[in-house]
């Protein structure tokens, strides 16, 4: 069973830092390439760019909780939630219903 995971191509879990603007501030986000691929898929489903999606997610987390403690961990978690909902037809909100709010300002 572990060979399913252990045989994963290393390029999938290599880290990649990307520079982007979150709430007007330029910052760098470092994630494994696999998560960047999922975020790109999420952005395509939301009909926006990956930076727009990330900015919207940051804004919404900030609105919900007042601060964002570990944003890269949040992004990884958001990816796993997206995949779980995508694969579960019983989910109350399917990923293709995600829309980026106009809070991108």
N, C-alpha and C. Protein backbone atom coordinates (compact mmCIF):
# COMPACT_ATOMS: atom_id res chain seq x y z
N UNK A 1 0.81 -1.19 0.00
CA UNK A 1 0.00 0.00 0.00
C UNK A 1 0.86 1.27 0.00
N UNK A 2 1.90 1.31 0.77
CA UNK A 2 2.72 2.52 0.86
C UNK A 2 3.40 2.86 -0.45
N UNK A 3 3.59 1.89 -1.34
CA UNK A 3 4.22 2.18 -2.61
C UNK A 3 3.38 3.13 -3.46
N UNK A 4 2.09 3.15 -3.24
CA UNK A 4 1.23 4.11 -3.95
C UNK A 4 1.73 5.52 -3.67
N UNK A 5 2.08 5.77 -2.43
CA UNK A 5 2.54 7.09 -2.02
C UNK A 5 4.05 7.23 -2.16
N UNK A 6 4.78 6.19 -1.79
CA UNK A 6 6.25 6.25 -1.80
C UNK A 6 6.80 6.37 -3.21
N UNK A 7 6.05 5.95 -4.19
CA UNK A 7 6.52 6.04 -5.57
C UNK A 7 6.14 7.35 -6.25
N UNK A 8 5.63 8.29 -5.48
CA UNK A 8 5.27 9.60 -6.02
C UNK A 8 6.49 10.29 -6.60
N UNK A 9 6.33 10.80 -7.78
CA UNK A 9 7.40 11.53 -8.45
C UNK A 9 7.82 12.72 -7.59
N UNK A 10 9.11 12.84 -7.26
CA UNK A 10 9.58 13.94 -6.39
C UNK A 10 9.19 15.33 -6.87
N UNK A 11 9.05 15.51 -8.17
CA UNK A 11 8.68 16.83 -8.69
C UNK A 11 7.32 17.28 -8.16
N UNK A 12 6.46 16.33 -7.80
CA UNK A 12 5.13 16.70 -7.29
C UNK A 12 5.20 17.31 -5.90
N UNK A 13 6.21 16.95 -5.12
CA UNK A 13 6.28 17.51 -3.77
C UNK A 13 7.45 18.48 -3.57
N UNK A 14 8.13 18.81 -4.64
CA UNK A 14 9.11 19.89 -4.56
C UNK A 14 8.38 21.19 -4.22
N UNK A 15 9.01 22.02 -3.41
CA UNK A 15 8.40 23.29 -3.04
C UNK A 15 8.68 24.35 -4.09
N UNK A 16 7.75 25.27 -4.20
CA UNK A 16 7.90 26.38 -5.13
C UNK A 16 7.35 27.63 -4.44
N UNK A 17 8.14 28.69 -4.42
CA UNK A 17 7.69 29.96 -3.87
C UNK A 17 7.21 30.84 -5.02
N UNK A 18 6.07 31.46 -4.78
CA UNK A 18 5.52 32.39 -5.78
C UNK A 18 5.29 33.73 -5.10
N UNK A 19 5.60 34.75 -5.82
CA UNK A 19 5.38 36.10 -5.33
C UNK A 19 4.02 36.57 -5.81
N UNK A 20 3.23 37.11 -4.89
CA UNK A 20 1.91 37.61 -5.25
C UNK A 20 1.51 38.73 -4.32
N UNK A 21 0.43 39.39 -4.66
CA UNK A 21 -0.05 40.52 -3.89
C UNK A 21 -1.30 40.08 -3.12
N UNK A 22 -1.24 40.23 -1.79
CA UNK A 22 -2.39 39.92 -0.93
C UNK A 22 -2.77 41.20 -0.22
N UNK A 23 -3.99 41.62 -0.44
CA UNK A 23 -4.51 42.87 0.12
C UNK A 23 -3.56 44.03 -0.12
N UNK A 24 -3.03 44.10 -1.33
CA UNK A 24 -2.18 45.20 -1.72
C UNK A 24 -0.72 45.08 -1.34
N UNK A 25 -0.36 44.07 -0.56
CA UNK A 25 1.03 43.88 -0.13
C UNK A 25 1.66 42.72 -0.90
N UNK A 26 2.85 42.95 -1.43
CA UNK A 26 3.56 41.89 -2.13
C UNK A 26 4.14 40.94 -1.08
N UNK A 27 3.90 39.65 -1.30
CA UNK A 27 4.42 38.64 -0.38
C UNK A 27 4.79 37.41 -1.19
N UNK A 28 5.39 36.46 -0.52
CA UNK A 28 5.78 35.21 -1.15
C UNK A 28 5.08 34.06 -0.43
N UNK A 29 4.55 33.13 -1.21
CA UNK A 29 3.90 31.95 -0.66
C UNK A 29 4.66 30.74 -1.18
N UNK A 30 5.09 29.88 -0.26
CA UNK A 30 5.84 28.68 -0.64
C UNK A 30 4.99 27.45 -0.34
N UNK A 31 4.69 26.70 -1.40
CA UNK A 31 3.90 25.47 -1.30
C UNK A 31 4.51 24.41 -2.19
N UNK A 32 4.16 23.18 -1.93
CA UNK A 32 4.55 22.09 -2.81
C UNK A 32 3.83 22.25 -4.15
N UNK A 33 4.48 21.82 -5.22
CA UNK A 33 3.92 21.98 -6.57
C UNK A 33 2.55 21.32 -6.70
N UNK A 34 2.33 20.24 -6.00
CA UNK A 34 1.02 19.57 -6.05
C UNK A 34 -0.09 20.51 -5.58
N UNK A 35 0.18 21.27 -4.51
CA UNK A 35 -0.83 22.21 -4.01
C UNK A 35 -1.03 23.38 -4.97
N UNK A 36 0.04 23.83 -5.62
CA UNK A 36 -0.13 24.88 -6.62
C UNK A 36 -1.03 24.39 -7.74
N UNK A 37 -0.89 23.13 -8.14
CA UNK A 37 -1.74 22.58 -9.20
C UNK A 37 -3.21 22.56 -8.78
N UNK A 38 -3.44 22.18 -7.53
CA UNK A 38 -4.82 22.15 -7.03
C UNK A 38 -5.39 23.56 -6.95
N UNK A 39 -4.60 24.51 -6.47
CA UNK A 39 -5.07 25.90 -6.42
C UNK A 39 -5.38 26.44 -7.81
N UNK A 40 -4.59 26.05 -8.80
CA UNK A 40 -4.87 26.46 -10.18
C UNK A 40 -6.19 25.86 -10.66
N UNK A 41 -6.45 24.62 -10.30
CA UNK A 41 -7.72 23.98 -10.65
C UNK A 41 -8.88 24.69 -9.95
N UNK A 42 -8.70 25.02 -8.67
CA UNK A 42 -9.73 25.73 -7.92
C UNK A 42 -10.02 27.09 -8.57
N UNK A 43 -8.97 27.79 -8.96
CA UNK A 43 -9.13 29.10 -9.60
C UNK A 43 -9.88 28.96 -10.93
N UNK A 44 -9.54 27.95 -11.70
CA UNK A 44 -10.24 27.74 -12.97
C UNK A 44 -11.72 27.47 -12.73
N UNK A 45 -12.03 26.67 -11.69
CA UNK A 45 -13.43 26.39 -11.35
C UNK A 45 -14.16 27.66 -10.92
N UNK A 46 -13.42 28.58 -10.31
CA UNK A 46 -14.00 29.85 -9.84
C UNK A 46 -13.94 30.94 -10.90
N UNK A 47 -13.39 30.58 -12.07
CA UNK A 47 -13.26 31.51 -13.19
C UNK A 47 -12.47 32.77 -12.81
N UNK A 48 -11.32 32.54 -12.21
CA UNK A 48 -10.43 33.64 -11.84
C UNK A 48 -8.99 33.16 -11.93
N UNK A 49 -8.06 34.05 -11.67
CA UNK A 49 -6.66 33.65 -11.66
C UNK A 49 -6.31 33.07 -10.29
N UNK A 50 -5.20 32.36 -10.22
CA UNK A 50 -4.75 31.79 -8.95
C UNK A 50 -4.46 32.90 -7.93
N UNK A 51 -3.77 33.99 -8.30
CA UNK A 51 -3.57 35.06 -7.33
C UNK A 51 -4.88 35.68 -6.83
N UNK A 52 -5.86 35.83 -7.72
CA UNK A 52 -7.16 36.35 -7.29
C UNK A 52 -7.83 35.42 -6.29
N UNK A 53 -7.77 34.12 -6.55
CA UNK A 53 -8.36 33.15 -5.64
C UNK A 53 -7.67 33.23 -4.28
N UNK A 54 -6.35 33.25 -4.27
CA UNK A 54 -5.60 33.29 -3.01
C UNK A 54 -5.92 34.56 -2.24
N UNK A 55 -6.01 35.69 -2.93
CA UNK A 55 -6.34 36.95 -2.28
C UNK A 55 -7.75 36.89 -1.67
N UNK A 56 -8.68 36.31 -2.39
CA UNK A 56 -10.05 36.18 -1.88
C UNK A 56 -10.09 35.26 -0.67
N UNK A 57 -9.38 34.14 -0.74
CA UNK A 57 -9.34 33.23 0.41
C UNK A 57 -8.76 33.94 1.64
N UNK A 58 -7.68 34.69 1.45
CA UNK A 58 -7.07 35.42 2.56
C UNK A 58 -8.08 36.41 3.16
N UNK A 59 -8.74 37.15 2.30
CA UNK A 59 -9.71 38.14 2.75
C UNK A 59 -10.84 37.49 3.54
N UNK A 60 -11.35 36.37 3.04
CA UNK A 60 -12.46 35.70 3.70
C UNK A 60 -12.05 35.09 5.04
N UNK A 61 -10.86 34.51 5.11
CA UNK A 61 -10.39 33.97 6.40
C UNK A 61 -10.23 35.12 7.40
N UNK A 62 -9.68 36.22 6.93
CA UNK A 62 -9.51 37.38 7.80
C UNK A 62 -10.87 37.89 8.29
N UNK A 63 -11.86 37.94 7.41
CA UNK A 63 -13.20 38.37 7.81
C UNK A 63 -13.83 37.40 8.81
N UNK A 64 -13.60 36.12 8.63
CA UNK A 64 -14.21 35.11 9.52
C UNK A 64 -13.54 35.03 10.88
N UNK A 65 -12.22 35.21 10.94
CA UNK A 65 -11.50 34.94 12.18
C UNK A 65 -10.67 36.12 12.69
N UNK A 66 -10.65 37.22 11.98
CA UNK A 66 -9.95 38.40 12.45
C UNK A 66 -8.46 38.42 12.16
N UNK A 67 -7.87 37.27 11.95
CA UNK A 67 -6.46 37.19 11.58
C UNK A 67 -6.22 35.86 10.89
N UNK A 68 -5.10 35.79 10.23
CA UNK A 68 -4.73 34.56 9.52
C UNK A 68 -3.44 34.07 10.15
N UNK A 69 -3.54 32.98 10.92
CA UNK A 69 -2.36 32.51 11.67
C UNK A 69 -1.31 31.86 10.79
N UNK A 70 -1.68 30.86 10.04
CA UNK A 70 -0.72 30.14 9.20
C UNK A 70 -1.36 29.95 7.83
N UNK A 71 -1.17 30.94 6.98
CA UNK A 71 -1.89 30.96 5.71
C UNK A 71 -1.51 29.81 4.79
N UNK A 72 -0.24 29.42 4.74
CA UNK A 72 0.13 28.30 3.86
C UNK A 72 -0.52 27.00 4.33
N UNK A 73 -0.62 26.80 5.63
CA UNK A 73 -1.33 25.61 6.12
C UNK A 73 -2.81 25.69 5.76
N UNK A 74 -3.37 26.89 5.86
CA UNK A 74 -4.77 27.06 5.46
C UNK A 74 -4.94 26.70 3.99
N UNK A 75 -4.03 27.17 3.13
CA UNK A 75 -4.16 26.86 1.70
C UNK A 75 -4.10 25.36 1.44
N UNK A 76 -3.20 24.66 2.13
CA UNK A 76 -3.13 23.20 1.96
C UNK A 76 -4.44 22.55 2.40
N UNK A 77 -4.98 23.02 3.51
CA UNK A 77 -6.25 22.48 4.01
C UNK A 77 -7.38 22.78 3.04
N UNK A 78 -7.42 23.99 2.50
CA UNK A 78 -8.44 24.35 1.52
C UNK A 78 -8.37 23.41 0.31
N UNK A 79 -7.16 23.08 -0.10
CA UNK A 79 -6.99 22.15 -1.23
C UNK A 79 -7.57 20.78 -0.92
N UNK A 80 -7.32 20.28 0.28
CA UNK A 80 -7.85 18.95 0.62
C UNK A 80 -9.37 18.98 0.73
N UNK A 81 -9.92 20.08 1.26
CA UNK A 81 -11.38 20.22 1.33
C UNK A 81 -11.96 20.28 -0.08
N UNK A 82 -11.34 21.03 -0.95
CA UNK A 82 -11.78 21.11 -2.35
C UNK A 82 -11.81 19.73 -2.99
N UNK A 83 -10.73 18.97 -2.82
CA UNK A 83 -10.67 17.63 -3.43
C UNK A 83 -11.73 16.71 -2.84
N UNK A 84 -11.96 16.78 -1.53
CA UNK A 84 -12.97 15.93 -0.90
C UNK A 84 -14.36 16.27 -1.42
N UNK A 85 -14.65 17.55 -1.57
CA UNK A 85 -15.97 17.95 -2.08
C UNK A 85 -16.12 17.60 -3.55
N UNK A 86 -15.04 17.73 -4.29
CA UNK A 86 -15.06 17.41 -5.72
C UNK A 86 -15.37 15.93 -5.92
N UNK A 87 -14.82 15.09 -5.06
CA UNK A 87 -14.99 13.64 -5.19
C UNK A 87 -16.24 13.12 -4.52
N UNK A 88 -16.97 13.98 -3.78
CA UNK A 88 -18.15 13.54 -3.05
C UNK A 88 -19.39 14.20 -3.64
N UNK A 89 -20.17 13.45 -4.44
CA UNK A 89 -21.36 14.04 -5.04
C UNK A 89 -22.44 14.39 -4.01
N UNK A 90 -22.31 13.91 -2.78
CA UNK A 90 -23.26 14.21 -1.72
C UNK A 90 -22.98 15.55 -1.05
N UNK A 91 -21.86 16.17 -1.38
CA UNK A 91 -21.45 17.42 -0.75
C UNK A 91 -22.49 18.50 -1.01
N UNK A 92 -22.82 19.31 0.01
CA UNK A 92 -23.83 20.35 -0.17
C UNK A 92 -23.41 21.44 -1.15
N UNK A 93 -22.13 21.68 -1.29
CA UNK A 93 -21.65 22.68 -2.24
C UNK A 93 -20.52 22.08 -3.05
N UNK A 94 -20.78 21.88 -4.33
CA UNK A 94 -19.75 21.33 -5.19
C UNK A 94 -18.76 22.43 -5.57
N UNK A 95 -17.50 22.08 -5.82
CA UNK A 95 -16.46 23.07 -6.10
C UNK A 95 -16.78 24.01 -7.26
N UNK A 96 -17.52 23.54 -8.26
CA UNK A 96 -17.77 24.42 -9.41
C UNK A 96 -18.69 25.58 -9.05
N UNK A 97 -19.27 25.55 -7.85
CA UNK A 97 -20.12 26.66 -7.41
C UNK A 97 -19.32 27.74 -6.68
N UNK A 98 -18.04 27.54 -6.54
CA UNK A 98 -17.20 28.53 -5.88
C UNK A 98 -17.10 29.75 -6.79
N UNK A 99 -17.31 30.90 -6.23
CA UNK A 99 -17.18 32.13 -7.00
C UNK A 99 -16.32 33.10 -6.21
N UNK A 100 -15.46 33.78 -6.90
CA UNK A 100 -14.61 34.76 -6.24
C UNK A 100 -15.42 36.04 -6.08
N UNK A 101 -15.47 36.51 -4.85
CA UNK A 101 -16.22 37.71 -4.54
C UNK A 101 -15.56 38.94 -5.15
N UNK A 102 -16.30 40.01 -5.22
CA UNK A 102 -15.75 41.23 -5.78
C UNK A 102 -14.92 41.98 -4.76
N UNK A 103 -14.53 41.32 -3.68
CA UNK A 103 -13.72 41.94 -2.63
C UNK A 103 -12.26 42.04 -3.03
N UNK A 104 -11.96 41.80 -4.28
CA UNK A 104 -10.57 41.84 -4.73
C UNK A 104 -10.03 43.26 -4.79
N UNK A 105 -10.94 44.21 -4.88
CA UNK A 105 -10.63 45.62 -4.84
C UNK A 105 -9.39 46.00 -5.43
